[in-house]
Amino acid sequence: MQNNGDKFTEIIDITLYKYNSIDLKIWGIINRDSKTRKTGDSSMLVSKDRLLEYLKVAFGSDINRFNAVSDVNIHKEATSVYFIWQIFKSMPNLRYVRVNLNTNSSYNRIVSVDQVKTIKYDIKIIRGSVRMFDLFNEHELRLANNVLLKAGLIKRGEKFKSFKLMDFLSALDLYQAENNTVEVLGVTNTFIHELEQHEQDNPEMLLITDWESDI
């Protein structure tokens, strides 16, 4: 099976903190942009490209420092600029970010892990996609299509279908339990390896396949 890294995530949800000066500055820049789509009183949807441009213009010196200093040293004094920048580096297919503003004055990102204080930055995945031809070679893709067909997850010739991620994985688990062969295990394990890290968020998932294997 092919492994090209995690390219699932397309839309994420992050939270900025009203009482943090850097967070509030980012929020203000997004809020003043006419191209930003408001999704609630304290929530906005912005494209990755626009948010990236904001950071480069308003926090260019910080970004230059990120590129010059090790992540270990930066993480000790990390800000939202750093975490968003890291998100962009690790999610190459990211398209949109839903940004929320937390107005709770007691909100704190500092958590203690084994008596060591660290920063926890919460990210929730809202939507992603799986291109099966990125996971499987031509022979494996035909086999994977057949497994999904028999599991009732897709119809013959169907190239696109949306699922809730947990529903998709549950259906695969059930099919595997009833058809425990090497071929089925190879397919289901590939999907599990690719998707289980996102299972807790249970995002919308667009499944994309090809029946001619000419992509």
C-alpha atoms as a PDB file:
ATOM      1  CA  MET A   1       0.000   0.000   0.000  1.00  0.00           C
ATOM      2  CA  GLN A   2       1.194   3.523  -0.778  1.00  0.00           C
ATOM      3  CA  ASN A   3       1.929   6.015   1.994  1.00  0.00           C
ATOM      4  CA  ASN A   4       2.206   9.693   1.104  1.00  0.00           C
ATOM      5  CA  GLY A   5       1.537  11.110   4.558  1.00  0.00           C
ATOM      6  CA  ASP A   6      -1.634  12.560   6.045  1.00  0.00           C
ATOM      7  CA  LYS A   7      -3.386  14.633   3.394  1.00  0.00           C
ATOM      8  CA  PHE A   8      -6.915  14.200   4.741  1.00  0.00           C
ATOM      9  CA  THR A   9      -7.767  17.522   6.379  1.00  0.00           C
ATOM     10  CA  GLU A  10      -9.437  20.310   4.360  1.00  0.00           C
ATOM     11  CA  ILE A  11     -11.412  22.348   6.944  1.00  0.00           C
ATOM     12  CA  ILE A  12     -10.513  22.822  10.608  1.00  0.00           C
ATOM     13  CA  ASP A  13     -11.882  24.642  13.642  1.00  0.00           C
ATOM     14  CA  ILE A  14      -9.591  26.628  15.958  1.00  0.00           C
ATOM     15  CA  THR A  15     -10.199  28.937  18.928  1.00  0.00           C
ATOM     16  CA  LEU A  16      -8.588  32.303  19.644  1.00  0.00           C
ATOM     17  CA  TYR A  17      -8.632  33.892  23.107  1.00  0.00           C
ATOM     18  CA  LYS A  18     -10.073  37.402  23.557  1.00  0.00           C
ATOM     19  CA  TYR A  19      -7.766  38.222  26.463  1.00  0.00           C
ATOM     20  CA  ASN A  20      -4.571  37.313  24.591  1.00  0.00           C
ATOM     21  CA  SER A  21      -3.205  40.309  22.692  1.00  0.00           C
ATOM     22  CA  ILE A  22      -1.864  38.282  19.751  1.00  0.00           C
ATOM     23  CA  ASP A  23      -5.061  36.256  19.418  1.00  0.00           C
ATOM     24  CA  LEU A  24      -7.157  39.424  19.528  1.00  0.00           C
ATOM     25  CA  LYS A  25      -4.978  41.015  16.849  1.00  0.00           C
ATOM     26  CA  ILE A  26      -5.446  37.988  14.569  1.00  0.00           C
ATOM     27  CA  TRP A  27      -9.198  38.056  15.223  1.00  0.00           C
ATOM     28  CA  GLY A  28      -9.378  41.774  14.418  1.00  0.00           C
ATOM     29  CA  ILE A  29      -7.546  41.337  11.104  1.00  0.00           C
ATOM     30  CA  ILE A  30      -9.860  38.501  10.065  1.00  0.00           C
ATOM     31  CA  ASN A  31     -12.972  40.365  11.220  1.00  0.00           C
ATOM     32  CA  ARG A  32     -12.102  43.479   9.172  1.00  0.00           C
ATOM     33  CA  ASP A  33     -11.636  41.525   5.953  1.00  0.00           C
ATOM     34  CA  SER A  34     -14.713  41.805   3.710  1.00  0.00           C
ATOM     35  CA  LYS A  35     -13.948  38.380   2.229  1.00  0.00           C
ATOM     36  CA  THR A  36     -14.331  36.668   5.594  1.00  0.00           C
ATOM     37  CA  ARG A  37     -17.639  34.828   6.066  1.00  0.00           C
ATOM     38  CA  LYS A  38     -19.199  35.193   9.500  1.00  0.00           C
ATOM     39  CA  THR A  39     -20.727  31.927  10.746  1.00  0.00           C
ATOM     40  CA  GLY A  40     -21.931  33.229  14.129  1.00  0.00           C
ATOM     41  CA  ASP A  41     -21.523  36.029  16.663  1.00  0.00           C
ATOM     42  CA  SER A  42     -18.031  34.830  17.546  1.00  0.00           C
ATOM     43  CA  SER A  43     -17.145  32.580  14.621  1.00  0.00           C
ATOM     44  CA  MET A  44     -15.751  33.256  11.135  1.00  0.00           C
ATOM     45  CA  LEU A  45     -14.682  31.162   8.161  1.00  0.00           C
ATOM     46  CA  VAL A  46     -11.513  32.203   6.356  1.00  0.00           C
ATOM     47  CA  SER A  47      -9.554  30.551   3.571  1.00  0.00           C
ATOM     48  CA  LYS A  48      -6.137  29.162   4.330  1.00  0.00           C
ATOM     49  CA  ASP A  49      -4.559  31.442   1.719  1.00  0.00           C
ATOM     50  CA  ARG A  50      -6.087  34.588   3.259  1.00  0.00           C
ATOM     51  CA  LEU A  51      -5.061  33.584   6.789  1.00  0.00           C
ATOM     52  CA  LEU A  52      -1.555  32.793   5.582  1.00  0.00           C
ATOM     53  CA  GLU A  53      -1.332  36.240   4.015  1.00  0.00           C
ATOM     54  CA  TYR A  54      -2.488  37.872   7.275  1.00  0.00           C
ATOM     55  CA  LEU A  55       0.268  36.118   9.199  1.00  0.00           C
ATOM     56  CA  LYS A  56       2.975  37.022   6.704  1.00  0.00           C
ATOM     57  CA  VAL A  57       2.015  40.708   6.737  1.00  0.00           C
ATOM     58  CA  ALA A  58       1.286  41.181  10.449  1.00  0.00           C
ATOM     59  CA  PHE A  59       3.719  38.663  11.970  1.00  0.00           C
ATOM     60  CA  GLY A  60       6.493  38.383   9.390  1.00  0.00           C
ATOM     61  CA  SER A  61       9.310  38.688  11.944  1.00  0.00           C
ATOM     62  CA  ASP A  62       7.811  35.885  14.049  1.00  0.00           C
ATOM     63  CA  ILE A  63       7.570  33.598  11.037  1.00  0.00           C
ATOM     64  CA  ASN A  64      11.181  34.305  10.113  1.00  0.00           C
ATOM     65  CA  ARG A  65      12.155  33.337  13.656  1.00  0.00           C
ATOM     66  CA  PHE A  66      10.169  30.092  13.432  1.00  0.00           C
ATOM     67  CA  ASN A  67      12.167  29.150  10.365  1.00  0.00           C
ATOM     68  CA  ALA A  68      15.473  29.956  12.062  1.00  0.00           C
ATOM     69  CA  VAL A  69      14.988  28.406  15.518  1.00  0.00           C
ATOM     70  CA  SER A  70      14.203  24.821  16.517  1.00  0.00           C
ATOM     71  CA  ASP A  71      10.613  23.880  17.315  1.00  0.00           C
ATOM     72  CA  VAL A  72      11.638  22.745  20.802  1.00  0.00           C
ATOM     73  CA  ASN A  73      12.838  26.220  21.765  1.00  0.00           C
ATOM     74  CA  ILE A  74       9.879  28.023  20.195  1.00  0.00           C
ATOM     75  CA  HIS A  75       7.271  25.754  21.801  1.00  0.00           C
ATOM     76  CA  LYS A  76       8.212  27.058  25.237  1.00  0.00           C
ATOM     77  CA  GLU A  77       6.909  30.514  24.278  1.00  0.00           C
ATOM     78  CA  ALA A  78       4.569  29.506  21.457  1.00  0.00           C
ATOM     79  CA  THR A  79       1.734  31.778  20.348  1.00  0.00           C
ATOM     80  CA  SER A  80      -1.245  31.213  18.077  1.00  0.00           C
ATOM     81  CA  VAL A  81       0.875  32.486  15.195  1.00  0.00           C
ATOM     82  CA  TYR A  82       3.287  29.605  15.736  1.00  0.00           C
ATOM     83  CA  PHE A  83       0.575  26.961  16.054  1.00  0.00           C
ATOM     84  CA  ILE A  84      -1.325  28.175  12.981  1.00  0.00           C
ATOM     85  CA  TRP A  85       1.934  28.243  11.033  1.00  0.00           C
ATOM     86  CA  GLN A  86       2.634  24.651  12.082  1.00  0.00           C
ATOM     87  CA  ILE A  87      -0.894  23.650  11.028  1.00  0.00           C
ATOM     88  CA  PHE A  88      -0.247  25.040   7.553  1.00  0.00           C
ATOM     89  CA  LYS A  89       3.019  23.106   7.305  1.00  0.00           C
ATOM     90  CA  SER A  90       1.493  19.800   8.410  1.00  0.00           C
ATOM     91  CA  MET A  91      -1.828  19.948   6.491  1.00  0.00           C
ATOM     92  CA  PRO A  92      -0.981  20.484   2.802  1.00  0.00           C
ATOM     93  CA  ASN A  93      -4.589  20.093   1.611  1.00  0.00           C
ATOM     94  CA  LEU A  94      -6.100  22.493   4.147  1.00  0.00           C
ATOM     95  CA  ARG A  95      -8.523  24.918   2.445  1.00  0.00           C
ATOM     96  CA  TYR A  96     -10.499  26.718   5.162  1.00  0.00           C
ATOM     97  CA  VAL A  97     -10.236  27.556   8.852  1.00  0.00           C
ATOM     98  CA  ARG A  98     -13.233  28.285  11.067  1.00  0.00           C
ATOM     99  CA  VAL A  99     -11.990  30.686  13.726  1.00  0.00           C
ATOM    100  CA  ASN A 100     -13.833  31.056  17.047  1.00  0.00           C
ATOM    101  CA  LEU A 101     -13.313  33.697  19.730  1.00  0.00           C
ATOM    102  CA  ASN A 102     -13.366  32.535  23.345  1.00  0.00           C
ATOM    103  CA  THR A 103     -14.435  35.387  25.657  1.00  0.00           C
ATOM    104  CA  ASN A 104     -13.969  33.461  28.910  1.00  0.00           C
ATOM    105  CA  SER A 105     -11.473  35.421  31.010  1.00  0.00           C
ATOM    106  CA  SER A 106     -10.365  32.238  32.824  1.00  0.00           C
ATOM    107  CA  TYR A 107      -9.500  30.365  29.615  1.00  0.00           C
ATOM    108  CA  ASN A 108      -5.936  29.053  29.613  1.00  0.00           C
ATOM    109  CA  ARG A 109      -3.962  26.948  27.128  1.00  0.00           C
ATOM    110  CA  ILE A 110      -1.381  25.936  29.715  1.00  0.00           C
ATOM    111  CA  VAL A 111      -1.789  22.336  30.863  1.00  0.00           C
ATOM    112  CA  SER A 112       0.365  20.124  33.092  1.00  0.00           C
ATOM    113  CA  VAL A 113       1.560  16.786  31.727  1.00  0.00           C
ATOM    114  CA  ASP A 114       3.583  14.719  34.214  1.00  0.00           C
ATOM    115  CA  GLN A 115       4.107  17.913  36.254  1.00  0.00           C
ATOM    116  CA  VAL A 116       5.553  19.689  33.213  1.00  0.00           C
ATOM    117  CA  LYS A 117       3.664  22.734  31.997  1.00  0.00           C
ATOM    118  CA  THR A 118       3.042  22.848  28.268  1.00  0.00           C
ATOM    119  CA  ILE A 119       0.752  24.565  25.784  1.00  0.00           C
ATOM    120  CA  LYS A 120      -2.221  22.691  24.373  1.00  0.00           C
ATOM    121  CA  TYR A 121      -3.675  24.093  21.169  1.00  0.00           C
ATOM    122  CA  ASP A 122      -6.993  22.478  20.268  1.00  0.00           C
ATOM    123  CA  ILE A 123      -7.790  21.805  16.621  1.00  0.00           C
ATOM    124  CA  LYS A 124     -10.956  20.132  15.437  1.00  0.00           C
ATOM    125  CA  ILE A 125     -11.235  18.686  11.953  1.00  0.00           C
ATOM    126  CA  ILE A 126     -14.546  19.522  10.307  1.00  0.00           C
ATOM    127  CA  ARG A 127     -14.088  18.035   6.853  1.00  0.00           C
ATOM    128  CA  GLY A 128     -11.542  16.030   4.906  1.00  0.00           C
ATOM    129  CA  SER A 129     -11.200  13.844   1.857  1.00  0.00           C
ATOM    130  CA  VAL A 130      -9.642  10.502   0.990  1.00  0.00           C
ATOM    131  CA  ARG A 131      -8.339   9.951  -2.524  1.00  0.00           C
ATOM    132  CA  MET A 132      -8.130   6.191  -2.776  1.00  0.00           C
ATOM    133  CA  PHE A 133      -5.689   6.349  -5.674  1.00  0.00           C
ATOM    134  CA  ASP A 134      -3.260   8.070  -3.287  1.00  0.00           C
ATOM    135  CA  LEU A 135      -3.522   5.145  -0.853  1.00  0.00           C
ATOM    136  CA  PHE A 136      -3.510   2.177  -3.248  1.00  0.00           C
ATOM    137  CA  ASN A 137      -1.675   1.219  -6.407  1.00  0.00           C
ATOM    138  CA  GLU A 138      -3.657   0.195  -9.496  1.00  0.00           C
ATOM    139  CA  HIS A 139      -4.095  -3.447  -8.507  1.00  0.00           C
ATOM    140  CA  GLU A 140      -4.904  -2.596  -4.884  1.00  0.00           C
ATOM    141  CA  LEU A 141      -7.409   0.048  -5.955  1.00  0.00           C
ATOM    142  CA  ARG A 142      -9.501  -2.501  -7.840  1.00  0.00           C
ATOM    143  CA  LEU A 143      -9.442  -4.724  -4.753  1.00  0.00           C
ATOM    144  CA  ALA A 144     -10.318  -1.825  -2.429  1.00  0.00           C
ATOM    145  CA  ASN A 145     -13.236  -0.769  -4.639  1.00  0.00           C
ATOM    146  CA  ASN A 146     -14.548  -4.325  -4.524  1.00  0.00           C
ATOM    147  CA  VAL A 147     -14.307  -4.428  -0.722  1.00  0.00           C
ATOM    148  CA  LEU A 148     -16.238  -1.155  -0.379  1.00  0.00           C
ATOM    149  CA  LEU A 149     -18.785  -2.385  -2.917  1.00  0.00           C
ATOM    150  CA  LYS A 150     -19.417  -5.618  -0.997  1.00  0.00           C
ATOM    151  CA  ALA A 151     -19.519  -3.702   2.293  1.00  0.00           C
ATOM    152  CA  GLY A 152     -22.355  -1.588   0.866  1.00  0.00           C
ATOM    153  CA  LEU A 153     -20.343   1.625   1.153  1.00  0.00           C
ATOM    154  CA  ILE A 154     -20.289   2.502  -2.558  1.00  0.00           C
ATOM    155  CA  LYS A 155     -22.097   1.454  -5.729  1.00  0.00           C
ATOM    156  CA  ARG A 156     -20.330   0.158  -8.832  1.00  0.00           C
ATOM    157  CA  GLY A 157     -18.972   3.067 -10.866  1.00  0.00           C
ATOM    158  CA  GLU A 158     -19.556   5.575  -8.051  1.00  0.00           C
ATOM    159  CA  LYS A 159     -16.551   7.892  -7.786  1.00  0.00           C
ATOM    160  CA  PHE A 160     -17.591  10.253  -4.987  1.00  0.00           C
ATOM    161  CA  LYS A 161     -19.453   9.676  -1.748  1.00  0.00           C
ATOM    162  CA  SER A 162     -19.680  11.511   1.582  1.00  0.00           C
ATOM    163  CA  PHE A 163     -19.688   9.844   5.006  1.00  0.00           C
ATOM    164  CA  LYS A 164     -19.296  10.669   8.645  1.00  0.00           C
ATOM    165  CA  LEU A 165     -15.883   9.218   9.338  1.00  0.00           C
ATOM    166  CA  MET A 166     -16.965   7.002  12.248  1.00  0.00           C
ATOM    167  CA  ASP A 167     -19.831   5.554  10.199  1.00  0.00           C
ATOM    168  CA  PHE A 168     -17.393   4.650   7.433  1.00  0.00           C
ATOM    169  CA  LEU A 169     -14.911   2.981   9.793  1.00  0.00           C
ATOM    170  CA  SER A 170     -17.691   1.139  11.654  1.00  0.00           C
ATOM    171  CA  ALA A 171     -19.010  -0.301   8.393  1.00  0.00           C
ATOM    172  CA  LEU A 172     -15.480  -1.443   7.480  1.00  0.00           C
ATOM    173  CA  ASP A 173     -15.040  -3.054  10.911  1.00  0.00           C
ATOM    174  CA  LEU A 174     -18.298  -4.962  10.503  1.00  0.00           C
ATOM    175  CA  TYR A 175     -17.410  -6.171   7.017  1.00  0.00           C
ATOM    176  CA  GLN A 176     -13.931  -7.229   8.142  1.00  0.00           C
ATOM    177  CA  ALA A 177     -15.380  -9.202  11.082  1.00  0.00           C
ATOM    178  CA  GLU A 178     -17.505 -11.209   8.637  1.00  0.00           C
ATOM    179  CA  ASN A 179     -14.862 -11.478   5.892  1.00  0.00           C
ATOM    180  CA  ASN A 180     -11.538 -11.901   7.650  1.00  0.00           C
ATOM    181  CA  THR A 181      -9.240 -12.547   4.682  1.00  0.00           C
ATOM    182  CA  VAL A 182      -5.744 -11.242   3.943  1.00  0.00           C
ATOM    183  CA  GLU A 183      -7.054  -9.094   1.073  1.00  0.00           C
ATOM    184  CA  VAL A 184      -9.817  -7.523   3.160  1.00  0.00           C
ATOM    185  CA  LEU A 185      -7.443  -6.912   6.063  1.00  0.00           C
ATOM    186  CA  GLY A 186      -4.989  -5.165   3.739  1.00  0.00           C
ATOM    187  CA  VAL A 187      -7.681  -2.755   2.559  1.00  0.00           C
ATOM    188  CA  THR A 188      -9.309  -2.082   5.938  1.00  0.00           C
ATOM    189  CA  ASN A 189      -5.980  -1.649   7.722  1.00  0.00           C
ATOM    190  CA  THR A 190      -4.890   0.935   5.146  1.00  0.00           C
ATOM    191  CA  PHE A 191      -8.033   2.973   5.751  1.00  0.00           C
ATOM    192  CA  ILE A 192      -7.719   2.625   9.529  1.00  0.00           C
ATOM    193  CA  HIS A 193      -4.073   3.720   9.465  1.00  0.00           C
ATOM    194  CA  GLU A 194      -5.015   6.768   7.378  1.00  0.00           C
ATOM    195  CA  LEU A 195      -8.136   7.805   9.278  1.00  0.00           C
ATOM    196  CA  GLU A 196      -8.092   6.650  12.920  1.00  0.00           C
ATOM    197  CA  GLN A 197      -6.170   9.710  14.092  1.00  0.00           C
ATOM    198  CA  HIS A 198      -9.195  11.812  13.055  1.00  0.00           C
ATOM    199  CA  GLU A 199     -11.843   9.504  14.494  1.00  0.00           C
ATOM    200  CA  GLN A 200     -12.439  11.497  17.689  1.00  0.00           C
ATOM    201  CA  ASP A 201     -13.483  14.573  15.703  1.00  0.00           C
ATOM    202  CA  ASN A 202     -15.751  12.465  13.454  1.00  0.00           C
ATOM    203  CA  PRO A 203     -15.551  14.902  10.518  1.00  0.00           C
ATOM    204  CA  GLU A 204     -17.403  14.784   7.235  1.00  0.00           C
ATOM    205  CA  MET A 205     -15.365  12.678   4.814  1.00  0.00           C
ATOM    206  CA  LEU A 206     -15.475  12.774   1.029  1.00  0.00           C
ATOM    207  CA  LEU A 207     -14.361   9.455  -0.455  1.00  0.00           C
ATOM    208  CA  ILE A 208     -12.927   9.719  -3.977  1.00  0.00           C
ATOM    209  CA  THR A 209     -12.093   6.671  -6.064  1.00  0.00           C
ATOM    210  CA  ASP A 210     -11.539   5.670  -9.672  1.00  0.00           C
ATOM    211  CA  TRP A 211     -12.786   2.568 -11.435  1.00  0.00           C
ATOM    212  CA  GLU A 212     -10.579   2.842 -14.520  1.00  0.00           C
ATOM    213  CA  SER A 213      -7.340   3.489 -12.561  1.00  0.00           C
ATOM    214  CA  ASP A 214      -6.176   6.073 -15.078  1.00  0.00           C
ATOM    215  CA  ILE A 215      -5.718   9.020 -12.712  1.00  0.00           C
END
